[in-house]
Amino acid sequence: GIIGGSGYTGGELIRILLNHPEVTIDFVFSTTRAGKKVSSAH
């Protein structure tokens, strides 16, 4: 899980973990963008 996923560090974490062979991203939490596509911020 990623808390605060709309910033620079959150975006880089998403990018890395999407390509990590041992990880699945369960959720990306954001208070300001809930319901919006992750790609809207990244």
ModelCIF file with pLDDT and N, C-alpha, C, O atoms, coordinates in Angstrom:
data_MODEL
#
_entry.id   MODEL 
#
_entity.id                         1 
_entity.type                       polymer 
_entity.pdbx_number_of_molecules   1 
#
_entity_poly.entity_id                      1 
_entity_poly.type                           'polypeptide(L)' 
_entity_poly.nstd_linkage                   no 
_entity_poly.nstd_monomer                   no 
_entity_poly.pdbx_seq_one_letter_code       GIIGGSGYTGGELIRILLNHPEVTIDFVFSTTRAGKKVSSAH 
_entity_poly.pdbx_seq_one_letter_code_can   GIIGGSGYTGGELIRILLNHPEVTIDFVFSTTRAGKKVSSAH 
_entity_poly.pdbx_strand_id                 A 
#
loop_
_entity_poly_seq.entity_id 
_entity_poly_seq.num 
_entity_poly_seq.mon_id 
_entity_poly_seq.hetero 
1 1  GLY n 
1 2  ILE n 
1 3  ILE n 
1 4  GLY n 
1 5  GLY n 
1 6  SER n 
1 7  GLY n 
1 8  TYR n 
1 9  THR n 
1 10 GLY n 
1 11 GLY n 
1 12 GLU n 
1 13 LEU n 
1 14 ILE n 
1 15 ARG n 
1 16 ILE n 
1 17 LEU n 
1 18 LEU n 
1 19 ASN n 
1 20 HIS n 
1 21 PRO n 
1 22 GLU n 
1 23 VAL n 
1 24 THR n 
1 25 ILE n 
1 26 ASP n 
1 27 PHE n 
1 28 VAL n 
1 29 PHE n 
1 30 SER n 
1 31 THR n 
1 32 THR n 
1 33 ARG n 
1 34 ALA n 
1 35 GLY n 
1 36 LYS n 
1 37 LYS n 
1 38 VAL n 
1 39 SER n 
1 40 SER n 
1 41 ALA n 
1 42 HIS n 
#
_struct_asym.id          A 
_struct_asym.entity_id   1 
#
loop_
_ma_qa_metric.id 
_ma_qa_metric.mode 
_ma_qa_metric.name 
_ma_qa_metric.software_group_id 
_ma_qa_metric.type 
1 global pLDDT . pLDDT 
2 local  pLDDT . pLDDT 
#
_ma_qa_metric_global.metric_id      1 
_ma_qa_metric_global.metric_value   95.83 
_ma_qa_metric_global.model_id       1 
_ma_qa_metric_global.ordinal_id     1 
#
loop_
_ma_qa_metric_local.label_asym_id 
_ma_qa_metric_local.label_comp_id 
_ma_qa_metric_local.label_seq_id 
_ma_qa_metric_local.metric_id 
_ma_qa_metric_local.metric_value 
_ma_qa_metric_local.model_id 
_ma_qa_metric_local.ordinal_id 
A GLY 1  2 98.00 1 1  
A ILE 2  2 98.00 1 2  
A ILE 3  2 97.00 1 3  
A GLY 4  2 95.00 1 4  
A GLY 5  2 92.00 1 5  
A SER 6  2 92.00 1 6  
A GLY 7  2 92.00 1 7  
A TYR 8  2 93.00 1 8  
A THR 9  2 95.00 1 9  
A GLY 10 2 95.00 1 10 
A GLY 11 2 96.00 1 11 
A GLU 12 2 97.00 1 12 
A LEU 13 2 97.00 1 13 
A ILE 14 2 97.00 1 14 
A ARG 15 2 97.00 1 15 
A ILE 16 2 98.00 1 16 
A LEU 17 2 98.00 1 17 
A LEU 18 2 97.00 1 18 
A ASN 19 2 96.00 1 19 
A HIS 20 2 98.00 1 20 
A PRO 21 2 97.00 1 21 
A GLU 22 2 98.00 1 22 
A VAL 23 2 98.00 1 23 
A THR 24 2 98.00 1 24 
A ILE 25 2 98.00 1 25 
A ASP 26 2 98.00 1 26 
A PHE 27 2 98.00 1 27 
A VAL 28 2 98.00 1 28 
A PHE 29 2 97.00 1 29 
A SER 30 2 94.00 1 30 
A THR 31 2 88.00 1 31 
A THR 32 2 89.00 1 32 
A ARG 33 2 93.00 1 33 
A ALA 34 2 94.00 1 34 
A GLY 35 2 95.00 1 35 
A LYS 36 2 97.00 1 36 
A LYS 37 2 97.00 1 37 
A VAL 38 2 97.00 1 38 
A SER 39 2 96.00 1 39 
A SER 40 2 96.00 1 40 
A ALA 41 2 95.00 1 41 
A HIS 42 2 96.00 1 42 
#
loop_
_atom_site.group_PDB 
_atom_site.id 
_atom_site.type_symbol 
_atom_site.label_atom_id 
_atom_site.label_alt_id 
_atom_site.label_comp_id 
_atom_site.label_asym_id 
_atom_site.label_entity_id 
_atom_site.label_seq_id 
_atom_site.pdbx_PDB_ins_code 
_atom_site.Cartn_x 
_atom_site.Cartn_y 
_atom_site.Cartn_z 
_atom_site.occupancy 
_atom_site.B_iso_or_equiv 
_atom_site.pdbx_formal_charge 
_atom_site.auth_seq_id 
_atom_site.auth_comp_id 
_atom_site.auth_asym_id 
_atom_site.auth_atom_id 
_atom_site.pdbx_PDB_model_num 
ATOM 1   N N  . GLY A 1 1  ? 0.831   -1.193  0.000   1.00 98.00 ? 1  GLY A N  1 
ATOM 2   C CA . GLY A 1 1  ? 0.000   0.000   0.000   1.00 98.00 ? 1  GLY A CA 1 
ATOM 3   C C  . GLY A 1 1  ? 0.866   1.243   0.000   1.00 98.00 ? 1  GLY A C  1 
ATOM 4   O O  . GLY A 1 1  ? 1.930   1.267   0.618   1.00 98.00 ? 1  GLY A O  1 
ATOM 5   N N  . ILE A 1 2  ? 0.414   2.268   -0.688  1.00 98.00 ? 2  ILE A N  1 
ATOM 6   C CA . ILE A 1 2  ? 1.144   3.534   -0.755  1.00 98.00 ? 2  ILE A CA 1 
ATOM 7   C C  . ILE A 1 2  ? 0.237   4.625   -0.211  1.00 98.00 ? 2  ILE A C  1 
ATOM 8   O O  . ILE A 1 2  ? -0.874  4.833   -0.698  1.00 98.00 ? 2  ILE A O  1 
ATOM 9   N N  . ILE A 1 3  ? 0.736   5.320   0.815   1.00 97.00 ? 3  ILE A N  1 
ATOM 10  C CA . ILE A 1 3  ? -0.014  6.407   1.437   1.00 97.00 ? 3  ILE A CA 1 
ATOM 11  C C  . ILE A 1 3  ? 0.574   7.722   0.952   1.00 97.00 ? 3  ILE A C  1 
ATOM 12  O O  . ILE A 1 3  ? 1.752   8.001   1.176   1.00 97.00 ? 3  ILE A O  1 
ATOM 13  N N  . GLY A 1 4  ? -0.250  8.535   0.284   1.00 95.00 ? 4  GLY A N  1 
ATOM 14  C CA . GLY A 1 4  ? 0.262   9.778   -0.288  1.00 95.00 ? 4  GLY A CA 1 
ATOM 15  C C  . GLY A 1 4  ? 0.841   9.530   -1.659  1.00 95.00 ? 4  GLY A C  1 
ATOM 16  O O  . GLY A 1 4  ? 2.006   9.834   -1.915  1.00 95.00 ? 4  GLY A O  1 
ATOM 17  N N  . GLY A 1 5  ? 0.030   8.979   -2.544  1.00 92.00 ? 5  GLY A N  1 
ATOM 18  C CA . GLY A 1 5  ? 0.540   8.507   -3.825  1.00 92.00 ? 5  GLY A CA 1 
ATOM 19  C C  . GLY A 1 5  ? 0.564   9.532   -4.937  1.00 92.00 ? 5  GLY A C  1 
ATOM 20  O O  . GLY A 1 5  ? 0.974   9.202   -6.049  1.00 92.00 ? 5  GLY A O  1 
ATOM 21  N N  . SER A 1 6  ? 0.141   10.770  -4.685  1.00 92.00 ? 6  SER A N  1 
ATOM 22  C CA . SER A 1 6  ? 0.040   11.732  -5.780  1.00 92.00 ? 6  SER A CA 1 
ATOM 23  C C  . SER A 1 6  ? 1.280   12.603  -5.937  1.00 92.00 ? 6  SER A C  1 
ATOM 24  O O  . SER A 1 6  ? 1.380   13.359  -6.902  1.00 92.00 ? 6  SER A O  1 
ATOM 25  N N  . GLY A 1 7  ? 2.233   12.510  -5.000  1.00 92.00 ? 7  GLY A N  1 
ATOM 26  C CA . GLY A 1 7  ? 3.445   13.316  -5.076  1.00 92.00 ? 7  GLY A CA 1 
ATOM 27  C C  . GLY A 1 7  ? 4.540   12.630  -5.871  1.00 92.00 ? 7  GLY A C  1 
ATOM 28  O O  . GLY A 1 7  ? 4.333   11.564  -6.451  1.00 92.00 ? 7  GLY A O  1 
ATOM 29  N N  . TYR A 1 8  ? 5.715   13.260  -5.890  1.00 93.00 ? 8  TYR A N  1 
ATOM 30  C CA . TYR A 1 8  ? 6.829   12.724  -6.666  1.00 93.00 ? 8  TYR A CA 1 
ATOM 31  C C  . TYR A 1 8  ? 7.297   11.367  -6.144  1.00 93.00 ? 8  TYR A C  1 
ATOM 32  O O  . TYR A 1 8  ? 7.482   10.437  -6.929  1.00 93.00 ? 8  TYR A O  1 
ATOM 33  N N  . THR A 1 9  ? 7.492   11.241  -4.826  1.00 95.00 ? 9  THR A N  1 
ATOM 34  C CA . THR A 1 9  ? 7.987   9.965   -4.297  1.00 95.00 ? 9  THR A CA 1 
ATOM 35  C C  . THR A 1 9  ? 6.943   8.872   -4.450  1.00 95.00 ? 9  THR A C  1 
ATOM 36  O O  . THR A 1 9  ? 7.282   7.723   -4.735  1.00 95.00 ? 9  THR A O  1 
ATOM 37  N N  . GLY A 1 10 ? 5.674   9.219   -4.263  1.00 95.00 ? 10 GLY A N  1 
ATOM 38  C CA . GLY A 1 10 ? 4.617   8.238   -4.476  1.00 95.00 ? 10 GLY A CA 1 
ATOM 39  C C  . GLY A 1 10 ? 4.572   7.773   -5.916  1.00 95.00 ? 10 GLY A C  1 
ATOM 40  O O  . GLY A 1 10 ? 4.417   6.581   -6.178  1.00 95.00 ? 10 GLY A O  1 
ATOM 41  N N  . GLY A 1 11 ? 4.706   8.694   -6.850  1.00 96.00 ? 11 GLY A N  1 
ATOM 42  C CA . GLY A 1 11 ? 4.692   8.340   -8.261  1.00 96.00 ? 11 GLY A CA 1 
ATOM 43  C C  . GLY A 1 11 ? 5.842   7.431   -8.641  1.00 96.00 ? 11 GLY A C  1 
ATOM 44  O O  . GLY A 1 11 ? 5.657   6.484   -9.405  1.00 96.00 ? 11 GLY A O  1 
ATOM 45  N N  . GLU A 1 12 ? 7.039   7.709   -8.114  1.00 97.00 ? 12 GLU A N  1 
ATOM 46  C CA . GLU A 1 12 ? 8.180   6.855   -8.408  1.00 97.00 ? 12 GLU A CA 1 
ATOM 47  C C  . GLU A 1 12 ? 8.019   5.476   -7.771  1.00 97.00 ? 12 GLU A C  1 
ATOM 48  O O  . GLU A 1 12 ? 8.439   4.477   -8.355  1.00 97.00 ? 12 GLU A O  1 
ATOM 49  N N  . LEU A 1 13 ? 7.423   5.409   -6.594  1.00 97.00 ? 13 LEU A N  1 
ATOM 50  C CA . LEU A 1 13 ? 7.154   4.108   -5.969  1.00 97.00 ? 13 LEU A CA 1 
ATOM 51  C C  . LEU A 1 13 ? 6.196   3.287   -6.820  1.00 97.00 ? 13 LEU A C  1 
ATOM 52  O O  . LEU A 1 13 ? 6.415   2.097   -7.044  1.00 97.00 ? 13 LEU A O  1 
ATOM 53  N N  . ILE A 1 14 ? 5.130   3.933   -7.293  1.00 97.00 ? 14 ILE A N  1 
ATOM 54  C CA . ILE A 1 14 ? 4.174   3.222   -8.141  1.00 97.00 ? 14 ILE A CA 1 
ATOM 55  C C  . ILE A 1 14 ? 4.880   2.678   -9.377  1.00 97.00 ? 14 ILE A C  1 
ATOM 56  O O  . ILE A 1 14 ? 4.705   1.515   -9.738  1.00 97.00 ? 14 ILE A O  1 
ATOM 57  N N  . ARG A 1 15 ? 5.680   3.527   -10.023 1.00 97.00 ? 15 ARG A N  1 
ATOM 58  C CA . ARG A 1 15 ? 6.384   3.120   -11.242 1.00 97.00 ? 15 ARG A CA 1 
ATOM 59  C C  . ARG A 1 15 ? 7.283   1.909   -10.988 1.00 97.00 ? 15 ARG A C  1 
ATOM 60  O O  . ARG A 1 15 ? 7.306   0.974   -11.788 1.00 97.00 ? 15 ARG A O  1 
ATOM 61  N N  . ILE A 1 16 ? 8.021   1.924   -9.879  1.00 98.00 ? 16 ILE A N  1 
ATOM 62  C CA . ILE A 1 16 ? 8.933   0.817   -9.570  1.00 98.00 ? 16 ILE A CA 1 
ATOM 63  C C  . ILE A 1 16 ? 8.149   -0.449  -9.229  1.00 98.00 ? 16 ILE A C  1 
ATOM 64  O O  . ILE A 1 16 ? 8.444   -1.528  -9.743  1.00 98.00 ? 16 ILE A O  1 
ATOM 65  N N  . LEU A 1 17 ? 7.145   -0.309  -8.355  1.00 98.00 ? 17 LEU A N  1 
ATOM 66  C CA . LEU A 1 17 ? 6.442   -1.491  -7.858  1.00 98.00 ? 17 LEU A CA 1 
ATOM 67  C C  . LEU A 1 17 ? 5.584   -2.149  -8.930  1.00 98.00 ? 17 LEU A C  1 
ATOM 68  O O  . LEU A 1 17 ? 5.366   -3.360  -8.883  1.00 98.00 ? 17 LEU A O  1 
ATOM 69  N N  . LEU A 1 18 ? 5.096   -1.378  -9.893  1.00 97.00 ? 18 LEU A N  1 
ATOM 70  C CA . LEU A 1 18 ? 4.345   -1.986  -11.003 1.00 97.00 ? 18 LEU A CA 1 
ATOM 71  C C  . LEU A 1 18 ? 5.207   -2.967  -11.789 1.00 97.00 ? 18 LEU A C  1 
ATOM 72  O O  . LEU A 1 18 ? 4.695   -3.900  -12.408 1.00 97.00 ? 18 LEU A O  1 
ATOM 73  N N  . ASN A 1 19 ? 6.516   -2.749  -11.759 1.00 96.00 ? 19 ASN A N  1 
ATOM 74  C CA . ASN A 1 19 ? 7.436   -3.609  -12.509 1.00 96.00 ? 19 ASN A CA 1 
ATOM 75  C C  . ASN A 1 19 ? 8.242   -4.537  -11.609 1.00 96.00 ? 19 ASN A C  1 
ATOM 76  O O  . ASN A 1 19 ? 9.171   -5.201  -12.066 1.00 96.00 ? 19 ASN A O  1 
ATOM 77  N N  . HIS A 1 20 ? 7.884   -4.580  -10.328 1.00 98.00 ? 20 HIS A N  1 
ATOM 78  C CA . HIS A 1 20 ? 8.587   -5.455  -9.380  1.00 98.00 ? 20 HIS A CA 1 
ATOM 79  C C  . HIS A 1 20 ? 7.990   -6.860  -9.455  1.00 98.00 ? 20 HIS A C  1 
ATOM 80  O O  . HIS A 1 20 ? 6.779   -7.015  -9.297  1.00 98.00 ? 20 HIS A O  1 
ATOM 81  N N  . PRO A 1 21 ? 8.799   -7.874  -9.689  1.00 97.00 ? 21 PRO A N  1 
ATOM 82  C CA . PRO A 1 21 ? 8.247   -9.219  -9.909  1.00 97.00 ? 21 PRO A CA 1 
ATOM 83  C C  . PRO A 1 21 ? 7.641   -9.866  -8.671  1.00 97.00 ? 21 PRO A C  1 
ATOM 84  O O  . PRO A 1 21 ? 6.946   -10.875 -8.787  1.00 97.00 ? 21 PRO A O  1 
ATOM 85  N N  . GLU A 1 22 ? 7.887   -9.307  -7.487  1.00 98.00 ? 22 GLU A N  1 
ATOM 86  C CA . GLU A 1 22 ? 7.400   -9.934  -6.261  1.00 98.00 ? 22 GLU A CA 1 
ATOM 87  C C  . GLU A 1 22 ? 6.328   -9.113  -5.557  1.00 98.00 ? 22 GLU A C  1 
ATOM 88  O O  . GLU A 1 22 ? 5.946   -9.434  -4.432  1.00 98.00 ? 22 GLU A O  1 
ATOM 89  N N  . VAL A 1 23 ? 5.834   -8.049  -6.208  1.00 98.00 ? 23 VAL A N  1 
ATOM 90  C CA . VAL A 1 23 ? 4.913   -7.120  -5.550  1.00 98.00 ? 23 VAL A CA 1 
ATOM 91  C C  . VAL A 1 23 ? 3.668   -6.908  -6.391  1.00 98.00 ? 23 VAL A C  1 
ATOM 92  O O  . VAL A 1 23 ? 3.739   -6.833  -7.617  1.00 98.00 ? 23 VAL A O  1 
ATOM 93  N N  . THR A 1 24 ? 2.530   -6.810  -5.725  1.00 98.00 ? 24 THR A N  1 
ATOM 94  C CA . THR A 1 24 ? 1.316   -6.293  -6.333  1.00 98.00 ? 24 THR A CA 1 
ATOM 95  C C  . THR A 1 24 ? 0.860   -5.094  -5.503  1.00 98.00 ? 24 THR A C  1 
ATOM 96  O O  . THR A 1 24 ? 0.850   -5.158  -4.274  1.00 98.00 ? 24 THR A O  1 
ATOM 97  N N  . ILE A 1 25 ? 0.487   -4.017  -6.162  1.00 98.00 ? 25 ILE A N  1 
ATOM 98  C CA . ILE A 1 25 ? 0.036   -2.821  -5.441  1.00 98.00 ? 25 ILE A CA 1 
ATOM 99  C C  . ILE A 1 25 ? -1.414  -3.017  -5.037  1.00 98.00 ? 25 ILE A C  1 
ATOM 100 O O  . ILE A 1 25 ? -2.294  -3.139  -5.890  1.00 98.00 ? 25 ILE A O  1 
ATOM 101 N N  . ASP A 1 26 ? -1.660  -3.047  -3.733  1.00 98.00 ? 26 ASP A N  1 
ATOM 102 C CA . ASP A 1 26 ? -2.989  -3.294  -3.188  1.00 98.00 ? 26 ASP A CA 1 
ATOM 103 C C  . ASP A 1 26 ? -3.843  -2.027  -3.225  1.00 98.00 ? 26 ASP A C  1 
ATOM 104 O O  . ASP A 1 26 ? -5.029  -2.086  -3.549  1.00 98.00 ? 26 ASP A O  1 
ATOM 105 N N  . PHE A 1 27 ? -3.245  -0.890  -2.896  1.00 98.00 ? 27 PHE A N  1 
ATOM 106 C CA . PHE A 1 27 ? -3.981  0.375   -2.929  1.00 98.00 ? 27 PHE A CA 1 
ATOM 107 C C  . PHE A 1 27 ? -2.999  1.530   -2.954  1.00 98.00 ? 27 PHE A C  1 
ATOM 108 O O  . PHE A 1 27 ? -1.866  1.421   -2.485  1.00 98.00 ? 27 PHE A O  1 
ATOM 109 N N  . VAL A 1 28 ? -3.467  2.653   -3.521  1.00 98.00 ? 28 VAL A N  1 
ATOM 110 C CA . VAL A 1 28 ? -2.727  3.911   -3.501  1.00 98.00 ? 28 VAL A CA 1 
ATOM 111 C C  . VAL A 1 28 ? -3.651  4.950   -2.886  1.00 98.00 ? 28 VAL A C  1 
ATOM 112 O O  . VAL A 1 28 ? -4.626  5.372   -3.507  1.00 98.00 ? 28 VAL A O  1 
ATOM 113 N N  . PHE A 1 29 ? -3.342  5.351   -1.679  1.00 97.00 ? 29 PHE A N  1 
ATOM 114 C CA . PHE A 1 29 ? -4.209  6.234   -0.892  1.00 97.00 ? 29 PHE A CA 1 
ATOM 115 C C  . PHE A 1 29 ? -3.884  7.695   -1.172  1.00 97.00 ? 29 PHE A C  1 
ATOM 116 O O  . PHE A 1 29 ? -2.719  8.091   -1.197  1.00 97.00 ? 29 PHE A O  1 
ATOM 117 N N  . SER A 1 30 ? -4.933  8.492   -1.381  1.00 94.00 ? 30 SER A N  1 
ATOM 118 C CA . SER A 1 30 ? -4.760  9.934   -1.533  1.00 94.00 ? 30 SER A CA 1 
ATOM 119 C C  . SER A 1 30 ? -6.013  10.633  -1.043  1.00 94.00 ? 30 SER A C  1 
ATOM 120 O O  . SER A 1 30 ? -7.121  10.274  -1.443  1.00 94.00 ? 30 SER A O  1 
ATOM 121 N N  . THR A 1 31 ? -5.854  11.615  -0.190  1.00 88.00 ? 31 THR A N  1 
ATOM 122 C CA . THR A 1 31 ? -7.020  12.356  0.304   1.00 88.00 ? 31 THR A CA 1 
ATOM 123 C C  . THR A 1 31 ? -7.525  13.349  -0.735  1.00 88.00 ? 31 THR A C  1 
ATOM 124 O O  . THR A 1 31 ? -8.705  13.702  -0.721  1.00 88.00 ? 31 THR A O  1 
ATOM 125 N N  . THR A 1 32 ? -6.672  13.801  -1.622  1.00 89.00 ? 32 THR A N  1 
ATOM 126 C CA . THR A 1 32 ? -7.045  14.838  -2.578  1.00 89.00 ? 32 THR A CA 1 
ATOM 127 C C  . THR A 1 32 ? -7.510  14.281  -3.922  1.00 89.00 ? 32 THR A C  1 
ATOM 128 O O  . THR A 1 32 ? -8.159  14.997  -4.684  1.00 89.00 ? 32 THR A O  1 
ATOM 129 N N  . ARG A 1 33 ? -7.192  13.009  -4.236  1.00 93.00 ? 33 ARG A N  1 
ATOM 130 C CA . ARG A 1 33 ? -7.508  12.466  -5.564  1.00 93.00 ? 33 ARG A CA 1 
ATOM 131 C C  . ARG A 1 33 ? -8.279  11.150  -5.509  1.00 93.00 ? 33 ARG A C  1 
ATOM 132 O O  . ARG A 1 33 ? -8.319  10.426  -6.503  1.00 93.00 ? 33 ARG A O  1 
ATOM 133 N N  . ALA A 1 34 ? -8.880  10.831  -4.393  1.00 94.00 ? 34 ALA A N  1 
ATOM 134 C CA . ALA A 1 34 ? -9.611  9.567   -4.279  1.00 94.00 ? 34 ALA A CA 1 
ATOM 135 C C  . ALA A 1 34 ? -10.640 9.431   -5.394  1.00 94.00 ? 34 ALA A C  1 
ATOM 136 O O  . ALA A 1 34 ? -11.418 10.351  -5.648  1.00 94.00 ? 34 ALA A O  1 
ATOM 137 N N  . GLY A 1 35 ? -10.639 8.266   -6.062  1.00 95.00 ? 35 GLY A N  1 
ATOM 138 C CA . GLY A 1 35 ? -11.553 7.993   -7.153  1.00 95.00 ? 35 GLY A CA 1 
ATOM 139 C C  . GLY A 1 35 ? -11.020 8.354   -8.518  1.00 95.00 ? 35 GLY A C  1 
ATOM 140 O O  . GLY A 1 35 ? -11.569 7.910   -9.527  1.00 95.00 ? 35 GLY A O  1 
ATOM 141 N N  . LYS A 1 36 ? -9.968  9.144   -8.582  1.00 97.00 ? 36 LYS A N  1 
ATOM 142 C CA . LYS A 1 36 ? -9.382  9.535   -9.861  1.00 97.00 ? 36 LYS A CA 1 
ATOM 143 C C  . LYS A 1 36 ? -8.317  8.534   -10.292 1.00 97.00 ? 36 LYS A C  1 
ATOM 144 O O  . LYS A 1 36 ? -7.754  7.820   -9.463  1.00 97.00 ? 36 LYS A O  1 
ATOM 145 N N  . LYS A 1 37 ? -8.046  8.489   -11.589 1.00 97.00 ? 37 LYS A N  1 
ATOM 146 C CA . LYS A 1 37 ? -7.024  7.613   -12.116 1.00 97.00 ? 37 LYS A CA 1 
ATOM 147 C C  . LYS A 1 37 ? -5.641  8.010   -11.575 1.00 97.00 ? 37 LYS A C  1 
ATOM 148 O O  . LYS A 1 37 ? -5.335  9.193   -11.429 1.00 97.00 ? 37 LYS A O  1 
ATOM 149 N N  . VAL A 1 38 ? -4.826  7.006   -11.286 1.00 97.00 ? 38 VAL A N  1 
ATOM 150 C CA . VAL A 1 38 ? -3.447  7.273   -10.879 1.00 97.00 ? 38 VAL A CA 1 
ATOM 151 C C  . VAL A 1 38 ? -2.722  8.055   -11.968 1.00 97.00 ? 38 VAL A C  1 
ATOM 152 O O  . VAL A 1 38 ? -1.888  8.911   -11.676 1.00 97.00 ? 38 VAL A O  1 
ATOM 153 N N  . SER A 1 39 ? -3.041  7.760   -13.214 1.00 96.00 ? 39 SER A N  1 
ATOM 154 C CA . SER A 1 39 ? -2.383  8.448   -14.328 1.00 96.00 ? 39 SER A CA 1 
ATOM 155 C C  . SER A 1 39 ? -2.793  9.917   -14.438 1.00 96.00 ? 39 SER A C  1 
ATOM 156 O O  . SER A 1 39 ? -2.168  10.671  -15.184 1.00 96.00 ? 39 SER A O  1 
ATOM 157 N N  . SER A 1 40 ? -3.833  10.339  -13.707 1.00 96.00 ? 40 SER A N  1 
ATOM 158 C CA . SER A 1 40 ? -4.203  11.757  -13.725 1.00 96.00 ? 40 SER A CA 1 
ATOM 159 C C  . SER A 1 40 ? -3.157  12.590  -13.004 1.00 96.00 ? 40 SER A C  1 
ATOM 160 O O  . SER A 1 40 ? -2.959  13.760  -13.333 1.00 96.00 ? 40 SER A O  1 
ATOM 161 N N  . ALA A 1 41 ? -2.482  11.994  -12.017 1.00 95.00 ? 41 ALA A N  1 
ATOM 162 C CA . ALA A 1 41 ? -1.395  12.680  -11.319 1.00 95.00 ? 41 ALA A CA 1 
ATOM 163 C C  . ALA A 1 41 ? -0.043  12.328  -11.898 1.00 95.00 ? 41 ALA A C  1 
ATOM 164 O O  . ALA A 1 41 ? 0.898   13.117  -11.817 1.00 95.00 ? 41 ALA A O  1 
ATOM 165 N N  . HIS A 1 42 ? 0.058   11.136  -12.488 1.00 96.00 ? 42 HIS A N  1 
ATOM 166 C CA . HIS A 1 42 ? 1.319   10.649  -13.037 1.00 96.00 ? 42 HIS A CA 1 
ATOM 167 C C  . HIS A 1 42 ? 1.104   10.239  -14.493 1.00 96.00 ? 42 HIS A C  1 
ATOM 168 O O  . HIS A 1 42 ? 2.043   9.795   -15.155 1.00 96.00 ? 42 HIS A O  1 
#
